[in-house]
Protein backbone atom coordinates (compact mmCIF):
# COMPACT_ATOMS: atom_id res chain seq x y z
CA MET A 1 -21.16 -24.49 30.70
CA LYS A 2 -20.84 -25.83 27.16
CA ILE A 3 -22.26 -24.60 24.70
CA ASP A 4 -24.52 -26.60 21.93
CA GLU A 5 -22.97 -26.67 19.03
CA GLU A 6 -25.84 -25.98 16.96
CA LEU A 7 -25.43 -22.23 19.04
CA THR A 8 -24.46 -20.18 15.94
CA LEU A 9 -23.98 -16.95 15.43
CA LYS A 10 -25.85 -16.83 11.91
CA LYS A 11 -28.83 -18.45 14.00
CA ILE A 12 -28.46 -15.93 16.32
CA GLN A 13 -28.66 -13.03 13.26
CA ILE A 14 -31.33 -14.90 12.12
CA PHE A 15 -33.23 -14.18 15.98
CA LEU A 16 -32.88 -10.84 16.11
CA ALA A 17 -33.58 -10.07 12.70
CA PHE A 18 -36.59 -11.98 13.65
CA MET A 19 -37.50 -9.61 16.30
CA ARG A 20 -37.25 -6.57 14.85
CA CYS A 21 -39.03 -7.49 11.87
CA GLY A 22 -41.81 -9.00 13.47
CA ASN A 23 -42.36 -12.17 11.01
CA LEU A 24 -41.12 -14.47 8.51
CA SER A 25 -41.25 -13.11 5.11
CA LYS A 26 -39.46 -8.95 6.13
CA THR A 27 -37.13 -11.45 8.10
CA ALA A 28 -36.47 -13.54 5.04
CA ALA A 29 -36.12 -10.38 3.59
CA GLU A 30 -33.90 -8.94 5.47
CA MET A 31 -31.35 -11.82 5.67
CA GLU A 32 -32.19 -12.91 1.53
CA LEU A 33 -33.42 -16.53 2.75
CA SER A 34 -35.95 -18.44 2.69
CA ASN A 35 -39.34 -18.88 4.66
CA VAL A 36 -38.55 -21.72 5.64
CA SER A 37 -34.98 -21.35 6.55
CA ILE A 38 -35.79 -18.61 8.44
CA HIS A 39 -38.56 -20.63 10.49
CA LYS A 40 -35.86 -23.43 11.00
CA ALA A 41 -33.15 -21.49 12.64
CA LEU A 42 -35.68 -20.04 15.09
CA HIS A 43 -36.17 -24.25 15.67
CA SER A 44 -32.89 -25.04 16.33
CA LEU A 45 -32.22 -22.03 18.77
CA GLU A 46 -34.75 -23.27 20.71
CA SER A 47 -33.90 -27.13 20.57
CA ALA A 48 -29.73 -25.51 20.86
CA LEU A 49 -31.03 -23.20 24.33
CA ARG A 50 -32.89 -26.57 25.28
CA CYS A 51 -35.53 -23.96 26.69
CA PRO A 52 -39.23 -22.07 24.02
CA LEU A 53 -38.70 -18.62 22.98
CA PHE A 54 -42.03 -18.45 20.98
CA LYS A 55 -45.62 -19.63 20.92
CA ASN A 56 -48.21 -20.09 18.38
CA GLU A 57 -51.31 -18.48 16.91
CA GLY A 58 -51.96 -19.18 13.80
CA ARG A 59 -49.06 -18.78 11.42
CA ASN A 60 -46.75 -16.09 13.54
CA LEU A 61 -45.18 -16.80 16.48
CA ILE A 62 -45.33 -14.44 19.03
CA PRO A 63 -41.63 -14.52 21.35
CA LEU A 64 -42.16 -15.48 24.85
CA LYS A 65 -40.49 -13.29 28.18
CA SER A 66 -36.83 -15.55 27.13
CA ALA A 67 -36.92 -14.23 23.58
CA TYR A 68 -36.52 -10.73 24.96
CA VAL A 69 -34.61 -12.20 27.78
CA LEU A 70 -31.64 -13.00 24.76
CA GLN A 71 -32.75 -10.72 22.72
CA GLU A 72 -31.35 -8.21 25.03
CA HIS A 73 -27.54 -9.90 26.31
CA ALA A 74 -27.63 -10.68 22.12
CA GLN A 75 -27.89 -7.68 21.34
CA LYS A 76 -24.54 -7.04 23.42
CA ILE A 77 -22.90 -10.60 21.99
CA VAL A 78 -23.15 -9.17 18.40
CA GLN A 79 -22.05 -5.56 19.44
CA GLU A 80 -18.90 -7.56 21.04
CA ILE A 81 -17.74 -9.14 18.33
CA SER A 82 -18.72 -6.87 15.48
CA THR A 83 -15.62 -4.68 17.79
CA ALA A 84 -13.55 -7.86 18.59
CA ILE A 85 -13.35 -8.24 14.37
CA THR A 86 -12.39 -4.60 13.78
CA LYS A 87 -9.72 -4.43 16.55
CA THR A 88 -8.47 -7.42 15.28
CA ARG A 89 -8.53 -6.02 11.77
CA GLU A 90 -6.29 -2.90 12.92
CA ALA A 91 -4.17 -4.41 14.74
CA SER A 92 -2.64 -6.82 11.46
CA GLY A 93 -3.42 -3.44 9.27
CA PHE A 94 -6.46 -4.25 7.93
CA ALA A 95 -8.90 -1.59 6.93
CA ALA A 96 -6.47 0.66 9.65
CA LYS A 97 -7.52 4.27 10.35
CA VAL A 98 -3.97 4.44 9.64
CA LEU A 99 -2.09 3.96 6.23
CA ASN A 100 1.74 3.53 6.59
CA LEU A 101 3.22 3.92 3.82
CA GLY A 102 6.65 3.93 2.17
CA SER A 103 8.83 5.27 -0.10
CA LEU A 104 12.10 7.39 -2.04
CA TYR A 105 13.11 10.84 -1.44
CA SER A 106 13.25 11.55 -5.10
CA LEU A 107 9.31 10.15 -5.25
CA THR A 108 8.66 13.39 -3.58
CA VAL A 109 8.79 15.77 -6.61
CA ASN A 110 5.86 14.37 -8.82
CA THR A 111 4.61 10.66 -7.93
CA LEU A 112 3.66 11.15 -3.90
CA PRO A 113 2.14 13.96 -4.10
CA ASN A 114 -0.24 12.83 -7.09
CA VAL A 115 -0.70 9.57 -5.33
CA ILE A 116 -1.86 10.58 -1.92
CA SER A 117 -3.30 13.97 -2.96
CA GLY A 118 -6.58 11.48 -5.43
CA LEU A 119 -5.81 9.10 -2.00
CA LYS A 120 -7.11 11.43 0.27
CA LEU A 121 -10.17 12.35 -1.86
CA ARG A 122 -11.32 8.43 -1.87
CA ARG A 123 -10.91 8.06 1.95
CA GLY A 124 -10.75 11.56 4.04
CA GLU A 125 -10.56 10.09 6.61
CA LEU A 126 -8.01 8.14 6.31
CA ASP A 127 -4.51 9.58 7.94
CA ILE A 128 -1.49 8.59 5.85
CA GLN A 129 1.96 8.00 7.86
CA LEU A 130 4.49 8.27 5.37
CA LEU A 131 8.04 7.12 5.60
CA LEU A 132 10.92 8.31 3.38
CA SER A 133 13.89 5.36 3.30
CA SER A 134 16.12 3.39 1.14
CA ASN A 135 14.58 -0.01 -1.08
CA LEU A 136 16.27 -2.14 1.05
CA ASP A 137 15.27 -0.39 3.92
CA LEU A 138 11.25 0.15 3.33
CA VAL A 139 11.27 -3.15 1.87
CA LYS A 140 13.18 -4.82 5.59
CA LYS A 141 10.11 -2.36 7.48
CA LEU A 142 7.26 -4.16 4.63
CA LYS A 143 7.79 -7.45 5.50
CA ALA A 144 8.08 -6.79 8.87
CA THR A 145 4.37 -5.13 8.10
CA GLU A 146 5.99 -1.78 9.95
CA LEU A 147 4.36 -0.52 6.38
CA ASP A 148 1.92 -0.87 4.77
CA ALA A 149 2.73 -0.87 1.01
CA ILE A 150 5.67 0.62 -0.39
CA ILE A 151 6.44 2.91 -3.93
CA VAL A 152 9.88 2.05 -4.11
CA ALA A 153 12.10 0.52 -7.68
CA LEU A 154 11.28 -3.07 -8.69
CA ASN A 155 14.74 -5.11 -8.45
CA GLU A 156 15.92 -7.54 -6.52
CA THR A 157 15.63 -6.72 -3.54
CA THR A 158 11.35 -6.88 -4.44
CA GLN A 159 11.63 -10.72 -5.62
CA ASP A 160 10.14 -11.89 -2.38
CA PRO A 161 6.79 -14.52 -2.49
CA ALA A 162 4.86 -12.99 -0.28
CA PHE A 163 4.76 -9.44 -2.18
CA GLU A 164 2.36 -8.44 -5.01
CA HIS A 165 3.61 -5.90 -7.32
CA LEU A 166 1.88 -2.90 -9.30
CA PRO A 167 4.60 -1.55 -12.10
CA MET A 168 3.80 2.43 -12.15
CA PHE A 169 6.26 4.06 -14.79
CA GLU A 170 10.16 4.03 -16.44
CA ASP A 171 12.43 6.01 -15.77
CA GLU A 172 16.27 6.65 -17.04
CA ILE A 173 19.24 6.79 -15.44
CA PHE A 174 21.45 10.22 -16.40
CA LEU A 175 24.52 11.85 -15.43
CA ALA A 176 23.93 15.24 -13.60
CA VAL A 177 26.56 17.67 -14.20
CA ASN A 178 26.81 21.78 -12.82
CA LYS A 179 25.18 23.76 -15.38
CA ASN A 180 29.03 24.92 -15.33
CA SER A 181 30.35 22.32 -16.41
CA HIS A 182 32.20 21.35 -20.10
CA TYR A 183 30.11 18.74 -20.21
CA ALA A 184 26.82 20.36 -19.56
CA ASP A 185 26.17 20.89 -23.23
CA ALA A 186 26.46 17.37 -24.47
CA SER A 187 23.95 15.69 -26.20
CA GLU A 188 24.91 12.56 -24.53
CA ILE A 189 27.86 11.13 -22.54
CA ASP A 190 30.22 8.27 -23.24
CA LEU A 191 31.09 7.08 -19.43
CA SER A 192 34.24 5.05 -19.50
CA LEU A 193 35.69 8.65 -20.91
CA LEU A 194 35.32 9.96 -17.16
CA LYS A 195 37.71 7.58 -15.17
CA ASN A 196 39.81 10.88 -13.31
CA GLU A 197 36.00 12.23 -12.40
CA THR A 198 34.56 12.52 -9.01
CA PHE A 199 31.18 11.19 -8.12
CA LEU A 200 28.70 11.57 -5.47
CA THR A 201 26.38 8.79 -4.44
CA LEU A 202 23.55 7.38 -2.29
CA ALA A 203 24.79 5.19 0.81
CA LYS A 204 24.51 1.51 -0.10
CA GLY A 205 20.93 0.15 0.24
CA PHE A 206 19.34 3.27 -2.06
CA ALA A 207 18.25 1.77 -5.64
CA THR A 208 20.01 5.20 -7.97
CA ARG A 209 23.38 3.31 -5.90
CA ASN A 210 22.42 0.66 -6.48
CA ASP A 211 21.72 0.96 -10.38
CA SER A 212 24.49 3.14 -9.91
CA ASP A 213 26.90 0.70 -9.15
CA ILE A 214 26.20 -1.50 -11.87
CA ILE A 215 26.73 1.75 -14.51
CA PHE A 216 30.17 1.95 -13.35
CA GLU A 217 31.25 -2.23 -13.83
CA LYS A 218 29.93 -1.47 -16.95
CA ALA A 219 31.60 1.04 -18.71
CA GLY A 220 34.81 0.09 -16.68
CA ILE A 221 34.69 2.56 -13.90
CA ASP A 222 35.98 1.99 -10.49
CA PRO A 223 34.79 5.51 -9.28
CA LYS A 224 36.62 8.02 -7.06
CA VAL A 225 33.61 8.65 -4.32
CA PHE A 226 33.94 11.89 -2.68
CA LEU A 227 30.75 11.63 -0.73
CA GLN A 228 28.10 9.62 0.04
CA VAL A 229 24.16 10.61 0.72
CA SER A 230 21.30 9.82 2.58
CA ASP A 231 19.01 11.56 0.56
CA ILE A 232 19.18 12.04 -2.89
CA PHE A 233 17.95 16.43 -2.30
CA THR A 234 21.42 16.72 -0.62
CA LEU A 235 22.99 14.51 -3.51
CA ILE A 236 21.28 16.95 -6.06
CA SER A 237 22.58 19.90 -4.10
CA MET A 238 26.11 19.24 -3.49
CA VAL A 239 26.23 18.53 -8.01
CA SER A 240 24.63 22.50 -7.71
CA SER A 241 27.67 23.24 -6.27
CA GLY A 242 29.88 22.03 -8.17
CA VAL A 243 31.58 19.58 -6.68
CA GLY A 244 31.55 16.63 -8.46
CA LEU A 245 28.99 14.76 -10.84
CA ALA A 246 26.98 11.66 -10.09
CA LEU A 247 23.78 9.15 -11.58
CA LEU A 248 20.59 9.95 -11.57
CA PRO A 249 17.46 9.47 -12.30
CA GLY A 250 14.94 11.82 -14.81
CA ARG A 251 12.32 12.01 -12.77
CA ILE A 252 14.32 15.14 -10.90
CA SER A 253 14.91 16.63 -13.98
CA THR A 254 12.71 19.76 -11.87
CA ILE A 255 14.61 19.62 -8.73
CA TYR A 256 17.57 22.63 -9.24
CA GLU A 257 16.92 22.49 -13.37
CA ASN A 258 18.29 26.07 -13.26
CA SER A 259 22.26 24.39 -12.69
CA VAL A 260 21.63 21.18 -13.39
CA LYS A 261 22.18 19.30 -16.23
CA LEU A 262 20.76 15.38 -16.82
CA ILE A 263 22.79 14.19 -19.86
CA PRO A 264 21.63 10.90 -21.56
CA LEU A 265 24.07 8.39 -21.39
CA GLN A 266 25.59 6.65 -24.89
CA GLN A 267 24.69 2.99 -25.26
CA PRO A 268 25.21 0.00 -22.91
CA TYR A 269 25.83 1.86 -20.44
CA LYS A 270 21.87 2.86 -20.28
CA ILE A 271 19.84 1.57 -17.71
CA LYS A 272 16.38 1.54 -16.53
CA GLN A 273 14.39 1.53 -13.28
CA ASP A 274 10.90 -0.03 -12.75
CA ILE A 275 9.08 2.23 -10.25
CA GLY A 276 5.43 0.32 -8.33
CA LEU A 277 3.85 -0.06 -5.87
CA VAL A 278 4.53 -3.08 -3.15
CA PHE A 279 1.78 -4.81 -0.83
CA LEU A 280 1.56 -7.81 0.86
CA LYS A 281 -0.47 -10.33 -0.62
CA SER A 282 -1.73 -11.02 2.46
CA LYS A 283 -3.20 -7.72 2.31
CA GLU A 284 -4.71 -7.26 -0.86
CA ARG A 285 -7.97 -7.57 0.48
CA ASP A 286 -7.98 -4.35 2.60
CA PRO A 287 -10.40 -1.76 1.28
CA ASN A 288 -7.25 0.89 2.34
CA LEU A 289 -4.57 -0.80 -0.19
CA LEU A 290 -7.74 -1.25 -2.64
CA ALA A 291 -7.84 2.72 -3.17
CA LEU A 292 -4.19 3.20 -2.91
CA ILE A 293 -3.56 0.38 -5.83
CA ALA A 294 -6.70 2.22 -7.32
CA GLU A 295 -4.64 5.41 -6.63
CA CYS A 296 -1.10 4.22 -8.40
CA ARG A 297 -3.23 2.57 -11.14
CA MET A 298 -4.71 5.90 -12.17
CA PHE A 299 -1.23 8.47 -11.78
CA THR A 300 0.18 5.69 -14.52
CA GLN A 301 -2.63 6.04 -16.95
CA ASN A 302 -2.62 9.68 -15.98
CA LYS A 303 1.28 9.19 -17.16
CA LYS A 304 0.95 7.76 -19.99
CA SER A 305 -1.43 10.14 -21.70
CA ASN A 306 0.65 12.81 -20.84
CA LEU A 307 2.87 11.60 -22.52
């Protein structure tokens, strides 16, 4: 059966509102339309169906049996459409009950606990799934829509026209040494003098590894790398044990603070890391994402006020 193009969902919604309200004025108020618009919509619906739905008694429209039949089935249709829209939006990750968030291991020290706890207060029903990995891996998963958003270092890996960025804070890279190291008392360090030292690094793809390579190149060092690891906590533990030196961001200063010292680098070896939220522009109106954006902004404001 061919459905008349004049038979629209909007007219069905107006019809159902009229059947609930019982008169034009109440229906117009509910639908935020004029009485004339309601009347025209109902008359147009009758034309599209090619059968009467109401009879006139003075200025009143009295539903016929056909109107009650349409009401029963139209309610089911509107409910099915609403369910279809919800399921479709959830399938695309929009306003789903689960938020898939990716981030760096180093941000679990302070940033993520604050952001996630605030987000749970905003949207208590939301289930947050957290994935920790390297900058490069998280960016790939975001682009493949396996993640809804990531909190990472903003660098060349996040430069994509499909992405939106929200900068959160700036961090600095330091030389991390064991507290008993002869470098531990230095107020700052000339990295070019450490060509013969043993270093520990993160694996390729991590933002801190990328920054370390840039710093080593500036210092003219081809570092003796004793060990590469895939998480920053293992790296800090190795430094704490005196296995070697490492270049690490200042945000991890509270980890092993009794056994690891972070020493500022001399110019021109200083380098900053910009940390921020990254998400797809196509999802920027997602309610879950809007709540996450608001919480990241709140974290940034609180961090600035504590400086």
